[in-house]
């Protein structure tokens, strides 16, 4: 009787163990991948927003390089 109880407890621990229960471990790894992917995408979007283009700077273009050049 004692051996049966020990075997049952061992099976219970084995079912709860991460490396022995592939169903729970695969669900955990799936959600971990989804979380990491979402965190990476949101981090990239925030970085792009933070370093976004601030506007149109004033650029001096020489008149000889325009579409209709003005030669002196």
C-alpha atoms as a PDB file:
ATOM      1  CA  UNK A   1       0.000   0.000   0.000  1.00  0.00           C
ATOM      2  CA  UNK A   2       2.849   2.323   0.867  1.00  0.00           C
ATOM      3  CA  UNK A   3       4.543   1.696  -2.483  1.00  0.00           C
ATOM      4  CA  UNK A   4       1.323   2.401  -4.346  1.00  0.00           C
ATOM      5  CA  UNK A   5       0.913   5.713  -2.537  1.00  0.00           C
ATOM      6  CA  UNK A   6       4.533   6.696  -3.250  1.00  0.00           C
ATOM      7  CA  UNK A   7       4.113   5.766  -6.902  1.00  0.00           C
ATOM      8  CA  UNK A   8       0.927   7.815  -7.105  1.00  0.00           C
ATOM      9  CA  UNK A   9       2.624  10.840  -5.538  1.00  0.00           C
ATOM     10  CA  UNK A  10       5.548  10.461  -7.961  1.00  0.00           C
ATOM     11  CA  UNK A  11       3.128  10.363 -10.891  1.00  0.00           C
ATOM     12  CA  UNK A  12       1.384  13.466  -9.538  1.00  0.00           C
ATOM     13  CA  UNK A  13       4.681  15.363  -9.355  1.00  0.00           C
ATOM     14  CA  UNK A  14       5.672  14.101 -12.776  1.00  0.00           C
ATOM     15  CA  UNK A  15       2.381  15.362 -14.277  1.00  0.00           C
ATOM     16  CA  UNK A  16       2.959  18.801 -12.774  1.00  0.00           C
ATOM     17  CA  UNK A  17       6.616  18.959 -13.795  1.00  0.00           C
ATOM     18  CA  UNK A  18       7.402  21.360 -16.648  1.00  0.00           C
ATOM     19  CA  UNK A  19       9.744  19.077 -18.584  1.00  0.00           C
ATOM     20  CA  UNK A  20       7.562  15.968 -18.298  1.00  0.00           C
ATOM     21  CA  UNK A  21       4.177  17.485 -19.148  1.00  0.00           C
ATOM     22  CA  UNK A  22       4.442  18.581 -22.794  1.00  0.00           C
ATOM     23  CA  UNK A  23       0.915  20.002 -22.884  1.00  0.00           C
ATOM     24  CA  UNK A  24       1.499  22.579 -20.147  1.00  0.00           C
ATOM     25  CA  UNK A  25       5.015  23.338 -21.335  1.00  0.00           C
ATOM     26  CA  UNK A  26       3.932  23.900 -24.950  1.00  0.00           C
ATOM     27  CA  UNK A  27       1.121  26.235 -23.876  1.00  0.00           C
ATOM     28  CA  UNK A  28       3.546  28.146 -21.667  1.00  0.00           C
ATOM     29  CA  UNK A  29       6.132  28.415 -24.449  1.00  0.00           C
ATOM     30  CA  UNK A  30       3.464  29.542 -26.940  1.00  0.00           C
ATOM     31  CA  UNK A  31       2.263  32.351 -24.685  1.00  0.00           C
ATOM     32  CA  UNK A  32       5.867  33.287 -23.909  1.00  0.00           C
ATOM     33  CA  UNK A  33       6.568  33.607 -27.649  1.00  0.00           C
ATOM     34  CA  UNK A  34       3.434  35.690 -28.175  1.00  0.00           C
ATOM     35  CA  UNK A  35       4.345  37.977 -25.277  1.00  0.00           C
ATOM     36  CA  UNK A  36       7.917  38.435 -26.531  1.00  0.00           C
ATOM     37  CA  UNK A  37       6.728  39.152 -30.065  1.00  0.00           C
ATOM     38  CA  UNK A  38       4.179  41.739 -28.877  1.00  0.00           C
ATOM     39  CA  UNK A  39       6.764  43.355 -26.591  1.00  0.00           C
ATOM     40  CA  UNK A  40       9.288  43.509 -29.445  1.00  0.00           C
ATOM     41  CA  UNK A  41       6.764  45.048 -31.863  1.00  0.00           C
ATOM     42  CA  UNK A  42       5.536  47.612 -29.338  1.00  0.00           C
ATOM     43  CA  UNK A  43       9.119  48.497 -28.415  1.00  0.00           C
ATOM     44  CA  UNK A  44       9.976  48.992 -32.080  1.00  0.00           C
ATOM     45  CA  UNK A  45       6.906  51.159 -32.653  1.00  0.00           C
ATOM     46  CA  UNK A  46       7.752  53.285 -29.621  1.00  0.00           C
ATOM     47  CA  UNK A  47      11.340  53.674 -30.804  1.00  0.00           C
ATOM     48  CA  UNK A  48      10.181  54.729 -34.263  1.00  0.00           C
ATOM     49  CA  UNK A  49       7.740  57.212 -32.708  1.00  0.00           C
ATOM     50  CA  UNK A  50      10.408  58.609 -30.391  1.00  0.00           C
ATOM     51  CA  UNK A  51      12.901  59.103 -33.237  1.00  0.00           C
ATOM     52  CA  UNK A  52      10.349  60.199 -35.813  1.00  0.00           C
ATOM     53  CA  UNK A  53      11.004  62.826 -38.459  1.00  0.00           C
ATOM     54  CA  UNK A  54      10.414  66.217 -36.861  1.00  0.00           C
ATOM     55  CA  UNK A  55       9.637  68.259 -39.950  1.00  0.00           C
ATOM     56  CA  UNK A  56      10.914  69.738 -43.131  1.00  0.00           C
ATOM     57  CA  UNK A  57      14.226  71.537 -42.665  1.00  0.00           C
ATOM     58  CA  UNK A  58      15.152  74.592 -44.704  1.00  0.00           C
ATOM     59  CA  UNK A  59      17.632  73.398 -47.332  1.00  0.00           C
ATOM     60  CA  UNK A  60      19.532  75.778 -49.586  1.00  0.00           C
ATOM     61  CA  UNK A  61      19.647  74.282 -53.077  1.00  0.00           C
ATOM     62  CA  UNK A  62      22.022  75.789 -55.620  1.00  0.00           C
ATOM     63  CA  UNK A  63      20.115  77.304 -58.544  1.00  0.00           C
ATOM     64  CA  UNK A  64      22.225  75.394 -61.084  1.00  0.00           C
ATOM     65  CA  UNK A  65      20.915  72.033 -59.796  1.00  0.00           C
ATOM     66  CA  UNK A  66      17.179  72.769 -60.090  1.00  0.00           C
ATOM     67  CA  UNK A  67      14.863  71.112 -62.622  1.00  0.00           C
ATOM     68  CA  UNK A  68      15.065  74.289 -64.693  1.00  0.00           C
ATOM     69  CA  UNK A  69      18.584  75.462 -63.881  1.00  0.00           C
ATOM     70  CA  UNK A  70      19.396  79.115 -63.644  1.00  0.00           C
ATOM     71  CA  UNK A  71      22.891  79.704 -64.920  1.00  0.00           C
ATOM     72  CA  UNK A  72      24.700  82.906 -64.217  1.00  0.00           C
END
